[in-house]
Amino acid sequence: MWMNLLLIFVPIAIALELLAADQHLLIFIASSLAILPLAGCMSHATEQLAERMGEAVGGLLNATFGNAAELIIALAALRAGLHEVVEASIVGSIVGNLLLVFGAAMLVGGIRYPEQRFNPRGARSQATMLILSAVALILPATFEAVEGKTAALHQLSVWISFALLVVYALYLLFSLVTHPGLFRSAYEAQSVGTDGEEMKANPSSSGRALALLATATVGTAWVSEIMVGSLAPLMRDYALSDIFVGAFVVAILGNAAEHASAITAALRNRMDLSFSIAVGSSVQVALFVAPVLVLASHFLGPAPMDLSFRPALVLIVILSVVVTAQMASDGHADWFKGAQLLVVYIALALTFFFLPR
């Protein structure tokens, strides 16, 4: 895979951190390029394990490790006390998956195929989860606007985080165990063997996949620490806002694996899979990654983080959810819909790029 060539930037990033610690831009570029193949390796290893562990366990693996790169990068930023960047990266992951990843997949797939279809019932179910996620962000922000940033706000954020984790567990139960047919495309249904047998796990292949997953996870954690260490001086030197860096730089790096997978699926006319990757990843970030980070902040970093995101961040989540839900409501995809989503994403990115620091 061509992306594996970028692994050369792993030792380059480490060397720059040790030998040229004041070259913040070079360190950021090298570490960012190094994260891309490492995230790809994590995604590939997870897919290999999922194929060999059966549908239910495989789905759980994908749900657990699908956004591991984003979570690792955010934890590193959390330890560094960059709460604003963490909040922006959470929102950026949600928005990036909905607008950039899904939009690019529809555009590329629509150029090859005049019209593509996906399961509208599954799409509506995931869209409902996204609306729930938006509500979970609105409530703490509203509470802060009324009462201010008090201890009660942190308590509210903790309880909402636990509630989101419970909802996410129920979502996994619904999508993987009780109603998997809602999220399965016709392509996937036909690919299941007539005898209904699942692929048996090959111990040797599973062992290699586990080793790759462990190695890539450690590498991602190490390089993420290097990248996050260069963020604060980089934002200071180039007068970049933390919203832009978190939502449109850090989030894109974490979403690289999903972006490639969603486009590949669209090129194979598997729009159900492409939609599931993009929107399912957003659901996971909102219902799993965000509450985990809020709870982890009580043990990492200088101060706990809450779910009261800035109004601008809450607004772009709401806009992205509404636009994507409208686009996906009929179960049809074409290149023009993809172009529309990309235009919305570019407009948001430009807005926050010119936002004063």
Protein backbone atom coordinates (compact mmCIF):
# COMPACT_ATOMS: atom_id res chain seq x y z
CA MET A 1 0.00 0.00 0.00
CA TRP A 2 1.42 3.38 -1.04
CA MET A 3 0.59 4.94 2.32
CA ASN A 4 3.08 2.60 4.01
CA LEU A 5 5.85 4.57 2.31
CA LEU A 6 5.04 7.38 4.74
CA LEU A 7 6.28 5.20 7.61
CA ILE A 8 9.71 6.69 6.91
CA PHE A 9 8.44 9.83 8.66
CA VAL A 10 8.15 8.00 12.00
CA PRO A 11 11.93 7.97 12.63
CA ILE A 12 12.22 11.41 11.00
CA ALA A 13 9.69 12.88 13.46
CA ILE A 14 11.47 11.26 16.41
CA ALA A 15 14.86 12.51 15.20
CA LEU A 16 13.56 16.07 14.73
CA GLU A 17 12.06 16.03 18.23
CA LEU A 18 15.40 14.96 19.72
CA LEU A 19 17.81 16.98 17.56
CA ALA A 20 15.84 20.06 16.41
CA ALA A 21 13.22 20.68 19.08
CA ASP A 22 12.83 24.33 18.06
CA GLN A 23 11.76 23.46 14.48
CA HIS A 24 8.08 23.26 15.36
CA LEU A 25 6.72 23.41 11.81
CA LEU A 26 9.00 20.62 10.55
CA ILE A 27 8.17 18.49 13.60
CA PHE A 28 4.44 18.99 13.05
CA ILE A 29 4.64 18.13 9.33
CA ALA A 30 6.78 15.03 9.91
CA SER A 31 4.66 13.73 12.79
CA SER A 32 1.44 14.41 10.89
CA LEU A 33 2.68 12.43 7.89
CA ALA A 34 3.82 9.65 10.24
CA ILE A 35 0.37 9.36 11.84
CA LEU A 36 -1.33 8.67 8.49
CA PRO A 37 0.22 5.22 7.82
CA LEU A 38 0.08 4.29 11.51
CA ALA A 39 -3.67 5.00 11.57
CA GLY A 40 -3.99 3.00 8.35
CA CYS A 41 -2.17 0.05 9.94
CA MET A 42 -4.51 0.17 12.94
CA SER A 43 -7.53 0.20 10.63
CA HIS A 44 -6.16 -2.66 8.51
CA ALA A 45 -5.35 -4.81 11.55
CA THR A 46 -8.80 -4.19 13.02
CA GLU A 47 -10.46 -5.19 9.73
CA GLN A 48 -8.35 -8.37 9.57
CA LEU A 49 -9.35 -9.33 13.11
CA ALA A 50 -12.99 -8.47 12.43
CA GLU A 51 -13.09 -10.78 9.40
CA ARG A 52 -11.78 -13.69 11.47
CA MET A 53 -13.79 -13.20 14.66
CA GLY A 54 -17.30 -13.39 13.26
CA GLU A 55 -19.91 -10.72 12.56
CA ALA A 56 -20.81 -9.74 16.14
CA VAL A 57 -17.27 -9.71 17.55
CA GLY A 58 -15.94 -8.14 14.37
CA GLY A 59 -18.47 -5.36 14.55
CA LEU A 60 -17.56 -4.74 18.18
CA LEU A 61 -13.86 -4.57 17.26
CA ASN A 62 -14.55 -2.07 14.50
CA ALA A 63 -16.71 -0.03 16.87
CA THR A 64 -14.03 -0.06 19.57
CA PHE A 65 -10.92 0.62 17.49
CA GLY A 66 -12.48 2.49 14.55
CA ASN A 67 -11.55 5.86 16.02
CA ALA A 68 -8.51 4.80 18.02
CA ALA A 69 -6.25 7.29 16.23
CA GLU A 70 -8.54 10.23 17.08
CA LEU A 71 -8.77 9.06 20.69
CA ILE A 72 -5.00 8.69 21.08
CA ILE A 73 -4.30 12.14 19.59
CA ALA A 74 -6.98 13.72 21.80
CA LEU A 75 -5.61 12.02 24.94
CA ALA A 76 -2.17 13.42 24.15
CA ALA A 77 -3.65 16.91 23.76
CA LEU A 78 -5.61 16.42 26.98
CA ARG A 79 -2.41 15.62 28.89
CA ALA A 80 -0.88 18.80 27.50
CA GLY A 81 -3.82 20.84 28.79
CA LEU A 82 -5.03 21.81 25.30
CA HIS A 83 -8.72 21.53 26.14
CA GLU A 84 -9.80 23.90 23.38
CA VAL A 85 -7.97 21.83 20.77
CA VAL A 86 -9.52 18.63 22.15
CA GLU A 87 -13.02 20.09 22.00
CA ALA A 88 -12.43 21.34 18.47
CA SER A 89 -10.99 17.97 17.37
CA ILE A 90 -14.10 16.16 18.69
CA VAL A 91 -16.35 18.48 16.71
CA GLY A 92 -13.98 18.36 13.73
CA SER A 93 -14.10 14.55 13.66
CA ILE A 94 -17.90 14.59 13.65
CA VAL A 95 -18.13 17.31 11.01
CA GLY A 96 -15.26 15.91 8.94
CA ASN A 97 -16.80 12.46 8.72
CA LEU A 98 -20.23 13.82 7.82
CA LEU A 99 -19.21 16.47 5.30
CA LEU A 100 -15.68 15.71 4.08
CA VAL A 101 -15.52 11.90 4.19
CA PHE A 102 -19.11 11.18 3.14
CA GLY A 103 -19.11 14.06 0.66
CA ALA A 104 -15.88 12.90 -1.02
CA ALA A 105 -17.17 9.32 -1.14
CA MET A 106 -20.41 10.39 -2.85
CA LEU A 107 -18.52 12.63 -5.28
CA VAL A 108 -15.98 9.98 -6.31
CA GLY A 109 -18.52 7.16 -6.37
CA GLY A 110 -21.00 9.31 -8.27
CA ILE A 111 -18.48 10.05 -11.01
CA ARG A 112 -18.12 6.31 -11.68
CA TYR A 113 -21.79 5.36 -11.11
CA PRO A 114 -24.69 7.68 -12.11
CA GLU A 115 -26.63 6.84 -8.96
CA GLN A 116 -25.85 4.79 -5.87
CA ARG A 117 -28.18 3.52 -3.17
CA PHE A 118 -27.88 2.73 0.51
CA ASN A 119 -30.24 1.42 3.19
CA PRO A 120 -32.52 4.36 4.13
CA ARG A 121 -33.77 2.69 7.35
CA GLY A 122 -30.25 2.25 8.68
CA ALA A 123 -29.41 5.79 7.56
CA ARG A 124 -32.38 7.23 9.47
CA SER A 125 -31.42 5.26 12.58
CA GLN A 126 -27.88 6.63 12.52
CA ALA A 127 -29.16 10.14 11.75
CA THR A 128 -31.31 9.92 14.90
CA MET A 129 -28.20 9.04 16.91
CA LEU A 130 -26.47 12.10 15.47
CA ILE A 131 -29.37 14.33 16.51
CA LEU A 132 -29.11 12.87 20.02
CA SER A 133 -25.40 13.72 19.97
CA ALA A 134 -26.16 17.32 19.02
CA VAL A 135 -28.67 17.58 21.88
CA ALA A 136 -26.03 16.26 24.30
CA LEU A 137 -23.76 19.15 23.27
CA ILE A 138 -26.49 21.79 23.37
CA LEU A 139 -27.60 21.08 26.95
CA PRO A 140 -24.26 21.75 28.75
CA ALA A 141 -23.66 24.85 26.59
CA THR A 142 -27.13 26.14 27.51
CA PHE A 143 -26.49 25.39 31.19
CA GLU A 144 -23.25 27.40 31.10
CA ALA A 145 -24.98 30.32 29.36
CA VAL A 146 -27.53 30.46 32.19
CA GLU A 147 -25.49 29.52 35.27
CA GLY A 148 -21.90 30.14 34.20
CA LYS A 149 -18.94 27.77 34.47
CA THR A 150 -19.62 26.25 37.90
CA ALA A 151 -18.86 22.96 39.63
CA ALA A 152 -22.39 21.87 38.74
CA LEU A 153 -21.45 22.11 35.05
CA HIS A 154 -18.66 19.57 35.53
CA GLN A 155 -21.04 17.26 37.39
CA LEU A 156 -23.60 17.62 34.61
CA SER A 157 -20.94 16.79 32.00
CA VAL A 158 -19.92 13.65 33.90
CA TRP A 159 -23.50 12.40 34.18
CA ILE A 160 -24.23 13.15 30.52
CA SER A 161 -21.01 11.32 29.58
CA PHE A 162 -22.16 8.22 31.44
CA ALA A 163 -25.58 8.50 29.76
CA LEU A 164 -23.96 8.74 26.31
CA LEU A 165 -21.85 5.65 26.99
CA VAL A 166 -24.98 3.73 27.99
CA VAL A 167 -26.74 4.87 24.80
CA TYR A 168 -23.70 3.84 22.76
CA ALA A 169 -23.73 0.37 24.35
CA LEU A 170 -27.43 0.05 23.50
CA TYR A 171 -26.68 1.23 19.95
CA LEU A 172 -24.08 -1.53 19.58
CA LEU A 173 -26.56 -4.09 20.92
CA PHE A 174 -29.20 -2.86 18.48
CA SER A 175 -26.95 -2.69 15.41
CA LEU A 176 -24.86 -5.83 16.01
CA VAL A 177 -27.17 -8.25 17.82
CA THR A 178 -30.91 -7.56 17.72
CA HIS A 179 -31.34 -5.66 14.41
CA PRO A 180 -28.20 -6.16 12.27
CA GLY A 181 -30.30 -6.40 9.10
CA LEU A 182 -31.07 -2.69 9.26
CA PHE A 183 -27.38 -1.93 8.77
CA ARG A 184 -26.56 -4.63 6.22
CA SER A 185 -26.54 -3.89 2.53
CA ALA A 186 -27.74 -6.22 -0.19
CA TYR A 187 -24.11 -6.73 -1.21
CA GLU A 188 -23.20 -7.94 2.26
CA ALA A 189 -26.25 -10.18 2.46
CA GLN A 190 -25.32 -11.89 -0.81
CA SER A 191 -21.70 -12.33 0.30
CA VAL A 192 -22.74 -14.47 3.27
CA GLY A 193 -22.38 -18.16 2.50
CA THR A 194 -25.50 -20.18 1.80
CA ASP A 195 -24.81 -22.38 4.81
CA GLY A 196 -24.60 -19.32 7.07
CA GLU A 197 -21.16 -20.26 8.39
CA GLU A 198 -18.81 -17.49 9.46
CA MET A 199 -15.13 -17.42 8.66
CA LYS A 200 -13.11 -19.34 11.17
CA ALA A 201 -10.27 -17.56 12.87
CA ASN A 202 -6.80 -18.49 11.69
CA PRO A 203 -4.60 -18.36 14.81
CA SER A 204 -1.49 -17.39 12.85
CA SER A 205 -3.20 -14.59 10.89
CA SER A 206 -5.01 -13.36 13.99
CA GLY A 207 -1.73 -13.28 15.91
CA ARG A 208 -0.07 -11.20 13.21
CA ALA A 209 -3.03 -8.82 13.14
CA LEU A 210 -2.90 -8.44 16.93
CA ALA A 211 0.84 -7.75 16.80
CA LEU A 212 0.31 -5.15 14.05
CA LEU A 213 -2.50 -3.50 16.03
CA ALA A 214 -0.39 -3.32 19.20
CA THR A 215 2.67 -1.97 17.36
CA ALA A 216 0.67 0.63 15.42
CA THR A 217 -1.14 1.74 18.58
CA VAL A 218 2.14 2.29 20.45
CA GLY A 219 3.61 4.10 17.45
CA THR A 220 0.54 6.32 17.10
CA ALA A 221 0.65 7.22 20.80
CA TRP A 222 4.36 8.11 20.59
CA VAL A 223 4.07 10.20 17.43
CA SER A 224 0.89 11.88 18.72
CA GLU A 225 2.80 13.11 21.77
CA ILE A 226 5.41 14.62 19.43
CA MET A 227 2.79 16.26 17.21
CA VAL A 228 0.80 17.69 20.13
CA GLY A 229 4.00 19.09 21.63
CA SER A 230 4.47 21.21 18.51
CA LEU A 231 0.89 22.52 18.39
CA ALA A 232 1.02 25.30 21.00
CA PRO A 233 4.17 27.02 19.63
CA LEU A 234 2.90 26.50 16.08
CA MET A 235 -0.43 28.21 16.83
CA ARG A 236 1.47 31.04 18.55
CA ASP A 237 3.99 31.52 15.73
CA TYR A 238 1.42 31.48 12.91
CA ALA A 239 -1.54 33.07 14.78
CA LEU A 240 -3.81 30.09 14.12
CA SER A 241 -7.01 29.69 16.13
CA ASP A 242 -7.35 26.57 18.25
CA ILE A 243 -10.73 25.87 16.62
CA PHE A 244 -9.19 25.73 13.15
CA VAL A 245 -6.23 23.60 14.24
CA GLY A 246 -8.38 21.19 16.24
CA ALA A 247 -11.37 20.91 13.92
CA PHE A 248 -9.72 21.09 10.51
CA VAL A 249 -6.11 19.92 10.97
CA VAL A 250 -5.96 17.44 13.84
CA ALA A 251 -9.35 15.95 12.95
CA ILE A 252 -8.37 15.36 9.31
CA LEU A 253 -5.27 13.45 10.42
CA GLY A 254 -7.33 11.23 12.69
CA ASN A 255 -9.93 10.63 9.96
CA ALA A 256 -7.43 9.66 7.26
CA ALA A 257 -8.09 5.91 7.54
CA GLU A 258 -11.88 6.38 7.40
CA HIS A 259 -11.52 8.73 4.43
CA ALA A 260 -9.59 6.16 2.39
CA SER A 261 -11.92 3.29 3.36
CA ALA A 262 -15.11 5.24 2.57
CA ILE A 263 -13.85 6.32 -0.88
CA THR A 264 -12.68 2.79 -1.70
CA ALA A 265 -16.10 1.41 -0.76
CA ALA A 266 -17.86 4.03 -2.90
CA LEU A 267 -15.66 3.18 -5.90
CA ARG A 268 -16.80 -0.45 -5.51
CA ASN A 269 -20.45 0.67 -5.48
CA ARG A 270 -20.82 -0.28 -1.82
CA MET A 271 -22.47 2.93 -0.68
CA ASP A 272 -24.00 1.28 2.39
CA LEU A 273 -20.52 0.51 3.67
CA SER A 274 -19.28 3.98 2.79
CA PHE A 275 -22.19 5.61 4.64
CA SER A 276 -21.67 3.30 7.62
CA ILE A 277 -17.97 4.21 7.82
CA ALA A 278 -18.55 7.96 7.64
CA VAL A 279 -21.68 8.38 9.73
CA GLY A 280 -20.96 5.46 12.07
CA SER A 281 -17.61 7.02 12.87
CA SER A 282 -19.31 10.32 13.74
CA VAL A 283 -21.73 8.49 16.03
CA GLN A 284 -18.82 6.77 17.74
CA VAL A 285 -16.92 10.02 18.27
CA ALA A 286 -19.98 11.72 19.76
CA LEU A 287 -21.23 8.86 21.94
CA PHE A 288 -17.97 7.11 22.87
CA VAL A 289 -14.85 9.20 22.28
CA ALA A 290 -16.22 12.50 23.67
CA PRO A 291 -17.54 11.06 26.97
CA VAL A 292 -14.39 8.95 27.43
CA LEU A 293 -12.28 12.10 27.07
CA VAL A 294 -14.44 13.99 29.58
CA LEU A 295 -14.06 11.18 32.12
CA ALA A 296 -10.34 10.73 31.37
CA SER A 297 -9.72 14.45 31.90
CA HIS A 298 -10.29 13.93 35.63
CA PHE A 299 -7.14 11.77 35.68
CA LEU A 300 -5.09 13.41 32.89
CA GLY A 301 -4.03 16.99 32.41
CA PRO A 302 -4.16 20.02 34.67
CA ALA A 303 -7.98 20.34 34.92
CA PRO A 304 -11.13 18.37 34.03
CA MET A 305 -12.87 19.03 30.72
CA ASP A 306 -16.62 19.46 30.36
CA LEU A 307 -19.09 19.04 27.50
CA SER A 308 -19.88 22.75 27.32
CA PHE A 309 -18.38 23.46 23.92
CA ARG A 310 -18.22 26.96 22.51
CA PRO A 311 -21.35 28.13 20.63
CA ALA A 312 -19.52 28.18 17.29
CA LEU A 313 -18.58 24.50 17.67
CA VAL A 314 -22.09 23.48 18.69
CA LEU A 315 -23.49 25.41 15.72
CA ILE A 316 -21.35 23.64 13.12
CA VAL A 317 -22.31 20.25 14.57
CA ILE A 318 -26.00 21.11 14.29
CA LEU A 319 -25.58 22.41 10.72
CA SER A 320 -23.61 19.32 9.67
CA VAL A 321 -26.12 16.91 11.20
CA VAL A 322 -29.09 18.67 9.59
CA VAL A 323 -27.46 18.85 6.14
CA THR A 324 -26.27 15.23 6.19
CA ALA A 325 -29.60 13.89 7.49
CA GLN A 326 -31.40 15.72 4.69
CA MET A 327 -29.00 14.38 2.06
CA ALA A 328 -29.29 10.79 3.31
CA SER A 329 -33.04 10.69 3.92
CA ASP A 330 -33.95 9.17 0.53
CA GLY A 331 -31.21 6.51 0.40
CA HIS A 332 -29.82 7.86 -2.90
CA ALA A 333 -26.31 9.20 -3.54
CA ASP A 334 -24.82 11.01 -6.53
CA TRP A 335 -21.83 13.23 -7.28
CA PHE A 336 -23.81 16.48 -6.95
CA LYS A 337 -24.85 15.68 -3.37
CA GLY A 338 -21.22 14.93 -2.59
CA ALA A 339 -20.11 18.25 -4.08
CA GLN A 340 -22.68 20.09 -1.96
CA LEU A 341 -21.39 18.50 1.26
CA LEU A 342 -17.81 19.37 0.32
CA VAL A 343 -18.74 23.00 -0.36
CA VAL A 344 -20.30 23.26 3.12
CA TYR A 345 -17.14 21.78 4.66
CA ILE A 346 -14.83 24.13 2.75
CA ALA A 347 -16.97 27.14 3.74
CA LEU A 348 -16.74 26.15 7.41
CA ALA A 349 -12.98 25.61 7.17
CA LEU A 350 -12.43 29.02 5.56
CA THR A 351 -14.60 30.70 8.19
CA PHE A 352 -12.56 29.31 11.08
CA PHE A 353 -9.25 29.86 9.28
CA PHE A 354 -9.91 33.61 9.20
CA LEU A 355 -11.26 33.60 12.75
CA PRO A 356 -8.90 35.62 14.99
CA ARG A 357 -6.88 33.63 17.48
